[in-house]
N, C-alpha and C. Protein backbone atom coordinates (compact mmCIF):
# COMPACT_ATOMS: atom_id res chain seq x y z
N UNK A 1 -57.59 -142.17 183.77
CA UNK A 1 -59.04 -142.22 183.75
C UNK A 1 -59.64 -141.13 184.65
N UNK A 2 -59.06 -140.93 185.82
CA UNK A 2 -59.57 -139.91 186.74
C UNK A 2 -59.44 -138.52 186.13
N UNK A 3 -58.36 -138.31 185.38
CA UNK A 3 -58.18 -137.02 184.72
C UNK A 3 -59.26 -136.76 183.69
N UNK A 4 -59.64 -137.79 182.94
CA UNK A 4 -60.69 -137.63 181.94
C UNK A 4 -62.04 -137.37 182.61
N UNK A 5 -62.30 -138.04 183.71
CA UNK A 5 -63.55 -137.82 184.43
C UNK A 5 -63.62 -136.38 184.93
N UNK A 6 -62.53 -135.89 185.50
CA UNK A 6 -62.51 -134.50 185.97
C UNK A 6 -62.68 -133.52 184.81
N UNK A 7 -62.02 -133.80 183.70
CA UNK A 7 -62.11 -132.91 182.54
C UNK A 7 -63.53 -132.89 181.99
N UNK A 8 -64.17 -134.03 181.90
CA UNK A 8 -65.54 -134.07 181.38
C UNK A 8 -66.53 -133.45 182.37
N UNK A 9 -66.28 -133.61 183.66
CA UNK A 9 -67.14 -132.95 184.65
C UNK A 9 -67.03 -131.43 184.52
N UNK A 10 -65.83 -130.95 184.25
CA UNK A 10 -65.64 -129.50 184.02
C UNK A 10 -66.36 -129.05 182.76
N UNK A 11 -66.28 -129.85 181.69
CA UNK A 11 -66.94 -129.48 180.42
C UNK A 11 -68.46 -129.47 180.57
N UNK A 12 -68.98 -130.43 181.32
CA UNK A 12 -70.43 -130.48 181.54
C UNK A 12 -70.86 -129.32 182.41
N UNK A 13 -70.13 -129.08 183.47
CA UNK A 13 -70.46 -128.01 184.40
C UNK A 13 -71.11 -128.53 185.66
N UNK A 14 -70.73 -127.92 186.77
CA UNK A 14 -71.28 -128.37 188.05
C UNK A 14 -72.77 -128.06 188.18
N UNK A 15 -73.21 -127.00 187.53
CA UNK A 15 -74.64 -126.68 187.57
C UNK A 15 -75.49 -127.79 187.00
N UNK A 16 -75.07 -128.31 185.86
CA UNK A 16 -75.81 -129.39 185.21
C UNK A 16 -75.72 -130.69 186.00
N UNK A 17 -74.57 -130.94 186.61
CA UNK A 17 -74.40 -132.16 187.38
C UNK A 17 -75.14 -132.13 188.71
N UNK A 18 -75.35 -130.96 189.26
CA UNK A 18 -76.05 -130.88 190.55
C UNK A 18 -77.56 -130.70 190.39
N UNK A 19 -78.02 -130.43 189.18
CA UNK A 19 -79.45 -130.20 188.98
C UNK A 19 -80.33 -131.39 189.35
N UNK A 20 -80.03 -132.63 188.94
CA UNK A 20 -80.88 -133.75 189.36
C UNK A 20 -80.89 -133.96 190.87
N UNK A 21 -79.76 -133.72 191.51
CA UNK A 21 -79.70 -133.84 192.97
C UNK A 21 -80.59 -132.79 193.62
N UNK A 22 -80.49 -131.55 193.13
CA UNK A 22 -81.32 -130.48 193.66
C UNK A 22 -82.81 -130.75 193.40
N UNK A 23 -83.14 -131.29 192.25
CA UNK A 23 -84.53 -131.62 191.95
C UNK A 23 -85.05 -132.72 192.87
N UNK A 24 -84.22 -133.72 193.13
CA UNK A 24 -84.63 -134.79 194.03
C UNK A 24 -84.89 -134.28 195.44
N UNK A 25 -84.02 -133.42 195.91
CA UNK A 25 -84.21 -132.83 197.24
C UNK A 25 -85.46 -131.95 197.26
N UNK A 26 -85.70 -131.20 196.17
CA UNK A 26 -86.87 -130.33 196.11
C UNK A 26 -88.17 -131.14 196.11
N UNK A 27 -88.19 -132.26 195.41
CA UNK A 27 -89.39 -133.11 195.40
C UNK A 27 -89.65 -133.67 196.79
N UNK A 28 -88.60 -134.13 197.44
CA UNK A 28 -88.77 -134.66 198.81
C UNK A 28 -89.27 -133.57 199.75
N UNK A 29 -88.69 -132.38 199.65
CA UNK A 29 -89.13 -131.28 200.51
C UNK A 29 -90.57 -130.89 200.23
N UNK A 30 -90.95 -130.85 198.96
CA UNK A 30 -92.34 -130.51 198.61
C UNK A 30 -93.31 -131.56 199.15
N UNK A 31 -92.94 -132.83 199.01
CA UNK A 31 -93.80 -133.89 199.53
C UNK A 31 -93.97 -133.81 201.03
N UNK A 32 -92.89 -133.51 201.72
CA UNK A 32 -92.96 -133.39 203.18
C UNK A 32 -93.80 -132.17 203.58
N UNK A 33 -93.63 -131.07 202.86
CA UNK A 33 -94.39 -129.85 203.20
C UNK A 33 -95.89 -130.02 202.97
N UNK A 34 -96.27 -130.62 201.84
CA UNK A 34 -97.70 -130.75 201.58
C UNK A 34 -98.35 -131.82 202.44
N UNK A 35 -97.56 -132.75 202.97
CA UNK A 35 -98.14 -133.80 203.80
C UNK A 35 -98.74 -133.25 205.09
N UNK A 36 -98.22 -132.12 205.53
CA UNK A 36 -98.76 -131.53 206.75
C UNK A 36 -100.05 -130.76 206.52
N UNK A 37 -100.36 -130.46 205.26
CA UNK A 37 -101.51 -129.63 204.95
C UNK A 37 -102.60 -130.41 204.22
N UNK A 38 -102.21 -131.24 203.29
CA UNK A 38 -103.16 -131.96 202.46
C UNK A 38 -103.41 -133.37 202.97
N UNK A 39 -104.42 -134.01 202.42
CA UNK A 39 -104.72 -135.39 202.79
C UNK A 39 -103.63 -136.32 202.23
N UNK A 40 -103.63 -137.54 202.71
CA UNK A 40 -102.63 -138.52 202.25
C UNK A 40 -102.78 -138.79 200.75
N UNK A 41 -104.00 -138.90 200.28
CA UNK A 41 -104.24 -139.16 198.85
C UNK A 41 -103.72 -138.02 197.99
N UNK A 42 -104.00 -136.79 198.40
CA UNK A 42 -103.52 -135.64 197.66
C UNK A 42 -101.99 -135.57 197.68
N UNK A 43 -101.41 -135.86 198.83
CA UNK A 43 -99.95 -135.83 198.95
C UNK A 43 -99.30 -136.87 198.05
N UNK A 44 -99.84 -138.10 198.05
CA UNK A 44 -99.28 -139.15 197.20
C UNK A 44 -99.41 -138.81 195.72
N UNK A 45 -100.51 -138.15 195.35
CA UNK A 45 -100.69 -137.73 193.95
C UNK A 45 -99.65 -136.69 193.56
N UNK A 46 -99.44 -135.71 194.43
CA UNK A 46 -98.45 -134.67 194.15
C UNK A 46 -97.05 -135.26 194.08
N UNK A 47 -96.71 -136.13 195.01
CA UNK A 47 -95.38 -136.76 195.00
C UNK A 47 -95.20 -137.59 193.72
N UNK A 48 -96.22 -138.29 193.31
CA UNK A 48 -96.14 -139.10 192.09
C UNK A 48 -95.86 -138.21 190.87
N UNK A 49 -96.56 -137.11 190.73
CA UNK A 49 -96.34 -136.21 189.60
C UNK A 49 -94.98 -135.53 189.67
N UNK A 50 -94.60 -135.07 190.83
CA UNK A 50 -93.30 -134.41 190.96
C UNK A 50 -92.14 -135.37 190.72
N UNK A 51 -92.31 -136.62 191.14
CA UNK A 51 -91.26 -137.62 190.90
C UNK A 51 -91.06 -137.84 189.41
N UNK A 52 -92.14 -137.83 188.66
CA UNK A 52 -92.02 -137.97 187.21
C UNK A 52 -91.30 -136.78 186.59
N UNK A 53 -91.58 -135.59 187.09
CA UNK A 53 -90.89 -134.41 186.59
C UNK A 53 -89.40 -134.47 186.92
N UNK A 54 -89.06 -135.01 188.09
CA UNK A 54 -87.64 -135.14 188.45
C UNK A 54 -86.93 -136.09 187.50
N UNK A 55 -87.60 -137.19 187.13
CA UNK A 55 -87.01 -138.16 186.20
C UNK A 55 -86.81 -137.52 184.82
N UNK A 56 -87.80 -136.78 184.36
CA UNK A 56 -87.67 -136.09 183.08
C UNK A 56 -86.53 -135.08 183.15
N UNK A 57 -86.44 -134.35 184.25
CA UNK A 57 -85.35 -133.38 184.41
C UNK A 57 -83.98 -134.04 184.39
N UNK A 58 -83.86 -135.19 185.02
CA UNK A 58 -82.58 -135.91 185.00
C UNK A 58 -82.24 -136.36 183.58
N UNK A 59 -83.25 -136.80 182.83
CA UNK A 59 -83.02 -137.20 181.44
C UNK A 59 -82.62 -136.03 180.57
N UNK A 60 -83.23 -134.88 180.80
CA UNK A 60 -82.87 -133.67 180.04
C UNK A 60 -81.44 -133.26 180.37
N UNK A 61 -81.03 -133.41 181.61
CA UNK A 61 -79.63 -133.12 181.96
C UNK A 61 -78.67 -134.04 181.22
N UNK A 62 -79.04 -135.31 181.06
CA UNK A 62 -78.22 -136.23 180.27
C UNK A 62 -78.16 -135.74 178.82
N UNK A 63 -79.31 -135.35 178.28
CA UNK A 63 -79.36 -134.89 176.89
C UNK A 63 -78.48 -133.67 176.68
N UNK A 64 -78.55 -132.72 177.59
CA UNK A 64 -77.74 -131.51 177.45
C UNK A 64 -76.26 -131.82 177.63
N UNK A 65 -75.94 -132.70 178.56
CA UNK A 65 -74.54 -133.07 178.78
C UNK A 65 -73.94 -133.75 177.54
N UNK A 66 -74.75 -134.50 176.82
CA UNK A 66 -74.25 -135.23 175.66
C UNK A 66 -74.24 -134.41 174.38
N UNK A 67 -75.09 -133.40 174.28
CA UNK A 67 -75.20 -132.66 173.02
C UNK A 67 -74.81 -131.20 173.15
N UNK A 68 -74.47 -130.76 174.34
CA UNK A 68 -74.21 -129.34 174.56
C UNK A 68 -72.80 -128.89 174.23
N UNK A 69 -71.97 -129.76 173.68
CA UNK A 69 -70.58 -129.41 173.41
C UNK A 69 -70.31 -129.41 171.91
N UNK A 70 -69.99 -128.27 171.35
CA UNK A 70 -69.74 -128.22 169.91
C UNK A 70 -68.34 -128.70 169.51
N UNK A 71 -67.58 -129.25 170.42
CA UNK A 71 -66.20 -129.61 170.14
C UNK A 71 -66.04 -131.08 169.76
N UNK A 72 -66.94 -131.60 168.94
CA UNK A 72 -66.86 -133.00 168.54
C UNK A 72 -65.55 -133.26 167.80
N UNK A 73 -65.20 -132.36 166.90
CA UNK A 73 -63.98 -132.56 166.11
C UNK A 73 -62.74 -132.54 166.99
N UNK A 74 -62.71 -131.64 167.97
CA UNK A 74 -61.56 -131.58 168.87
C UNK A 74 -61.43 -132.87 169.69
N UNK A 75 -62.56 -133.39 170.17
CA UNK A 75 -62.52 -134.62 170.94
C UNK A 75 -62.14 -135.81 170.07
N UNK A 76 -62.58 -135.80 168.83
CA UNK A 76 -62.27 -136.92 167.94
C UNK A 76 -60.79 -136.94 167.55
N UNK A 77 -60.13 -135.79 167.62
CA UNK A 77 -58.72 -135.75 167.24
C UNK A 77 -57.79 -136.15 168.38
N UNK A 78 -58.32 -136.39 169.56
CA UNK A 78 -57.51 -136.82 170.70
C UNK A 78 -57.44 -138.34 170.74
N UNK A 79 -56.51 -138.90 171.49
CA UNK A 79 -56.43 -140.37 171.59
C UNK A 79 -57.64 -140.98 172.30
N UNK A 80 -58.39 -140.18 173.03
CA UNK A 80 -59.52 -140.71 173.80
C UNK A 80 -60.68 -141.08 172.87
N UNK A 81 -61.08 -140.23 171.96
CA UNK A 81 -62.18 -140.50 171.05
C UNK A 81 -63.51 -140.01 171.60
N UNK A 82 -64.39 -139.69 170.66
CA UNK A 82 -65.66 -139.06 171.02
C UNK A 82 -66.59 -140.02 171.75
N UNK A 83 -66.65 -141.28 171.38
CA UNK A 83 -67.57 -142.22 172.04
C UNK A 83 -67.18 -142.44 173.50
N UNK A 84 -65.91 -142.46 173.78
CA UNK A 84 -65.48 -142.61 175.17
C UNK A 84 -65.82 -141.34 175.96
N UNK A 85 -65.68 -140.20 175.34
CA UNK A 85 -66.09 -138.94 175.97
C UNK A 85 -67.58 -138.97 176.26
N UNK A 86 -68.38 -139.40 175.28
CA UNK A 86 -69.83 -139.46 175.47
C UNK A 86 -70.20 -140.45 176.57
N UNK A 87 -69.54 -141.60 176.60
CA UNK A 87 -69.82 -142.59 177.65
C UNK A 87 -69.48 -142.05 179.03
N UNK A 88 -68.38 -141.31 179.13
CA UNK A 88 -68.00 -140.71 180.41
C UNK A 88 -69.01 -139.67 180.83
N UNK A 89 -69.43 -138.84 179.91
CA UNK A 89 -70.44 -137.81 180.23
C UNK A 89 -71.76 -138.45 180.63
N UNK A 90 -72.15 -139.50 179.93
CA UNK A 90 -73.37 -140.20 180.30
C UNK A 90 -73.26 -140.78 181.70
N UNK A 91 -72.13 -141.39 182.01
CA UNK A 91 -71.94 -141.97 183.35
C UNK A 91 -72.02 -140.90 184.43
N UNK A 92 -71.39 -139.75 184.19
CA UNK A 92 -71.45 -138.67 185.19
C UNK A 92 -72.88 -138.17 185.39
N UNK A 93 -73.58 -137.94 184.29
CA UNK A 93 -74.96 -137.45 184.40
C UNK A 93 -75.87 -138.51 185.01
N UNK A 94 -75.65 -139.78 184.68
CA UNK A 94 -76.47 -140.86 185.24
C UNK A 94 -76.25 -141.00 186.74
N UNK A 95 -75.02 -140.90 187.19
CA UNK A 95 -74.74 -140.98 188.63
C UNK A 95 -75.42 -139.83 189.36
N UNK A 96 -75.39 -138.65 188.76
CA UNK A 96 -76.07 -137.50 189.36
C UNK A 96 -77.57 -137.75 189.44
N UNK A 97 -78.16 -138.28 188.36
CA UNK A 97 -79.58 -138.60 188.37
C UNK A 97 -79.94 -139.66 189.39
N UNK A 98 -79.09 -140.68 189.50
CA UNK A 98 -79.33 -141.73 190.50
C UNK A 98 -79.26 -141.19 191.92
N UNK A 99 -78.29 -140.30 192.16
CA UNK A 99 -78.19 -139.69 193.49
C UNK A 99 -79.43 -138.86 193.78
N UNK A 100 -79.91 -138.13 192.78
CA UNK A 100 -81.14 -137.36 192.97
C UNK A 100 -82.34 -138.24 193.26
N UNK A 101 -82.43 -139.39 192.56
CA UNK A 101 -83.54 -140.31 192.79
C UNK A 101 -83.50 -140.89 194.20
N UNK A 102 -82.31 -141.23 194.67
CA UNK A 102 -82.17 -141.78 196.03
C UNK A 102 -82.52 -140.71 197.06
N UNK A 103 -82.03 -139.49 196.85
CA UNK A 103 -82.32 -138.41 197.80
C UNK A 103 -83.80 -138.01 197.77
N UNK A 104 -84.47 -138.26 196.68
CA UNK A 104 -85.90 -138.01 196.61
C UNK A 104 -86.67 -139.12 197.32
N UNK A 105 -86.29 -140.35 197.04
CA UNK A 105 -87.05 -141.49 197.55
C UNK A 105 -86.89 -141.72 199.04
N UNK A 106 -85.66 -141.65 199.55
CA UNK A 106 -85.38 -142.06 200.93
C UNK A 106 -86.23 -141.34 201.97
N UNK A 107 -86.27 -140.00 202.00
CA UNK A 107 -87.09 -139.37 203.05
C UNK A 107 -88.58 -139.62 202.86
N UNK A 108 -89.03 -139.69 201.62
CA UNK A 108 -90.46 -139.93 201.38
C UNK A 108 -90.84 -141.36 201.79
N UNK A 109 -89.95 -142.31 201.56
CA UNK A 109 -90.19 -143.68 201.96
C UNK A 109 -90.23 -143.80 203.49
N UNK A 110 -89.26 -143.19 204.14
CA UNK A 110 -89.19 -143.27 205.61
C UNK A 110 -90.44 -142.68 206.25
N UNK A 111 -90.97 -141.61 205.67
CA UNK A 111 -92.16 -140.96 206.20
C UNK A 111 -93.46 -141.58 205.70
N UNK A 112 -93.36 -142.58 204.84
CA UNK A 112 -94.56 -143.24 204.31
C UNK A 112 -95.29 -142.41 203.28
N UNK A 113 -94.57 -141.59 202.55
CA UNK A 113 -95.19 -140.69 201.57
C UNK A 113 -94.89 -141.09 200.13
N UNK A 114 -94.30 -142.24 199.91
CA UNK A 114 -94.01 -142.67 198.55
C UNK A 114 -95.21 -143.45 198.01
N UNK A 115 -95.70 -143.12 196.81
CA UNK A 115 -96.86 -143.82 196.25
C UNK A 115 -96.58 -145.30 196.01
N UNK A 116 -97.51 -146.14 196.37
CA UNK A 116 -97.42 -147.59 196.20
C UNK A 116 -96.12 -148.15 196.77
N UNK A 117 -95.79 -147.74 197.96
CA UNK A 117 -94.55 -148.13 198.61
C UNK A 117 -94.62 -149.58 199.07
N UNK A 118 -93.62 -150.37 198.68
CA UNK A 118 -93.53 -151.77 199.12
C UNK A 118 -92.21 -152.03 199.82
N UNK A 119 -91.63 -150.99 200.38
CA UNK A 119 -90.35 -151.13 201.05
C UNK A 119 -89.24 -150.53 200.21
N UNK A 120 -88.02 -150.83 200.60
CA UNK A 120 -86.86 -150.26 199.92
C UNK A 120 -86.74 -150.75 198.48
N UNK A 121 -87.40 -151.85 198.17
CA UNK A 121 -87.38 -152.34 196.78
C UNK A 121 -88.06 -151.35 195.85
N UNK A 122 -88.91 -150.49 196.38
CA UNK A 122 -89.57 -149.47 195.57
C UNK A 122 -88.58 -148.46 195.00
N UNK A 123 -87.37 -148.43 195.53
CA UNK A 123 -86.34 -147.54 194.99
C UNK A 123 -86.01 -147.88 193.54
N UNK A 124 -86.36 -149.09 193.12
CA UNK A 124 -86.13 -149.49 191.73
C UNK A 124 -86.91 -148.59 190.77
N UNK A 125 -88.09 -148.15 191.16
CA UNK A 125 -88.92 -147.34 190.25
C UNK A 125 -88.25 -146.03 189.85
N UNK A 126 -87.85 -145.17 190.79
CA UNK A 126 -87.23 -143.92 190.34
C UNK A 126 -85.84 -144.10 189.74
N UNK A 127 -85.03 -145.01 190.31
CA UNK A 127 -83.69 -145.18 189.76
C UNK A 127 -83.74 -145.85 188.38
N UNK A 128 -84.62 -146.80 188.21
CA UNK A 128 -84.77 -147.44 186.91
C UNK A 128 -85.28 -146.46 185.86
N UNK A 129 -86.22 -145.60 186.26
CA UNK A 129 -86.73 -144.60 185.33
C UNK A 129 -85.65 -143.61 184.92
N UNK A 130 -84.80 -143.22 185.87
CA UNK A 130 -83.69 -142.32 185.55
C UNK A 130 -82.74 -142.98 184.56
N UNK A 131 -82.43 -144.25 184.77
CA UNK A 131 -81.52 -144.96 183.86
C UNK A 131 -82.13 -145.17 182.48
N UNK A 132 -83.42 -145.49 182.42
CA UNK A 132 -84.06 -145.69 181.12
C UNK A 132 -84.13 -144.37 180.35
N UNK A 133 -84.51 -143.29 181.04
CA UNK A 133 -84.52 -141.98 180.39
C UNK A 133 -83.14 -141.55 179.93
N UNK A 134 -82.14 -141.81 180.75
CA UNK A 134 -80.77 -141.47 180.38
C UNK A 134 -80.27 -142.30 179.21
N UNK A 135 -80.62 -143.59 179.20
CA UNK A 135 -80.21 -144.45 178.08
C UNK A 135 -80.88 -144.00 176.78
N UNK A 136 -82.14 -143.57 176.88
CA UNK A 136 -82.81 -143.04 175.70
C UNK A 136 -82.12 -141.78 175.21
N UNK A 137 -81.69 -140.94 176.14
CA UNK A 137 -80.96 -139.74 175.77
C UNK A 137 -79.62 -140.07 175.14
N UNK A 138 -78.94 -141.07 175.66
CA UNK A 138 -77.65 -141.49 175.10
C UNK A 138 -77.83 -141.99 173.67
N UNK A 139 -78.84 -142.83 173.46
CA UNK A 139 -79.09 -143.36 172.13
C UNK A 139 -79.51 -142.26 171.16
N UNK A 140 -80.38 -141.37 171.60
CA UNK A 140 -80.84 -140.28 170.73
C UNK A 140 -79.70 -139.32 170.40
N UNK A 141 -78.83 -139.07 171.37
CA UNK A 141 -77.69 -138.18 171.12
C UNK A 141 -76.73 -138.80 170.13
N UNK A 142 -76.53 -140.10 170.22
CA UNK A 142 -75.64 -140.78 169.28
C UNK A 142 -76.23 -140.81 167.88
N UNK A 143 -77.53 -140.89 167.80
CA UNK A 143 -78.20 -140.98 166.51
C UNK A 143 -78.37 -139.61 165.85
N UNK A 144 -78.79 -138.61 166.63
CA UNK A 144 -79.15 -137.33 166.02
C UNK A 144 -78.12 -136.23 166.22
N UNK A 145 -77.41 -136.24 167.34
CA UNK A 145 -76.45 -135.19 167.71
C UNK A 145 -77.12 -133.83 167.81
N UNK A 146 -78.43 -133.82 168.00
CA UNK A 146 -79.19 -132.58 168.14
C UNK A 146 -79.77 -132.51 169.54
N UNK A 147 -79.60 -131.37 170.18
CA UNK A 147 -80.12 -131.21 171.54
C UNK A 147 -81.64 -131.30 171.54
N UNK A 148 -82.28 -130.66 170.60
CA UNK A 148 -83.75 -130.67 170.56
C UNK A 148 -84.30 -132.08 170.37
N UNK A 149 -83.76 -132.82 169.43
CA UNK A 149 -84.24 -134.17 169.18
C UNK A 149 -83.97 -135.08 170.37
N UNK A 150 -82.83 -134.90 171.01
CA UNK A 150 -82.49 -135.73 172.16
C UNK A 150 -83.41 -135.43 173.34
N UNK A 151 -83.68 -134.17 173.59
CA UNK A 151 -84.60 -133.80 174.67
C UNK A 151 -86.00 -134.34 174.39
N UNK A 152 -86.46 -134.24 173.16
CA UNK A 152 -87.78 -134.75 172.82
C UNK A 152 -87.86 -136.28 173.00
N UNK A 153 -86.77 -136.97 172.68
CA UNK A 153 -86.75 -138.43 172.88
C UNK A 153 -86.81 -138.76 174.36
N UNK A 154 -86.11 -138.02 175.18
CA UNK A 154 -86.12 -138.26 176.62
C UNK A 154 -87.53 -138.00 177.19
N UNK A 155 -88.12 -136.91 176.80
CA UNK A 155 -89.47 -136.58 177.30
C UNK A 155 -90.48 -137.61 176.82
N UNK A 156 -90.34 -138.07 175.59
CA UNK A 156 -91.26 -139.08 175.06
C UNK A 156 -91.15 -140.39 175.82
N UNK A 157 -89.95 -140.77 176.19
CA UNK A 157 -89.76 -142.01 176.95
C UNK A 157 -90.32 -141.86 178.33
């Protein structure tokens, strides 16, 4: 199992797997930077919009990870099977998105810059959104096998 995870991580690429993490860190940094210059209301508005863009970006990474490989036939001819490959890729991209959501939320929550913050339970909002967007990407990729259609489904969700 570990060999398959490593192989699929290589096929997806480290750039794609690190993108949601980098986006989460960038949103947190942007929120912290604007908090020193703008009012609290303006800062919370910016953080709210940027957080949504981070979630969409994580979903797009799932879509690309699931549809960016033209080797469906090669994967289907192995004992592993294409659906198991897709599930592994989805899990890798989802974990990356969840890590990005946590790295985005934690510093903003600690500094009191998260919109409608009710404590650590508010972490459910970004992580749940990442999982819902990723699940939509997984379903759309299974149904259409088209990168464009899958990305549009993720953005629509």
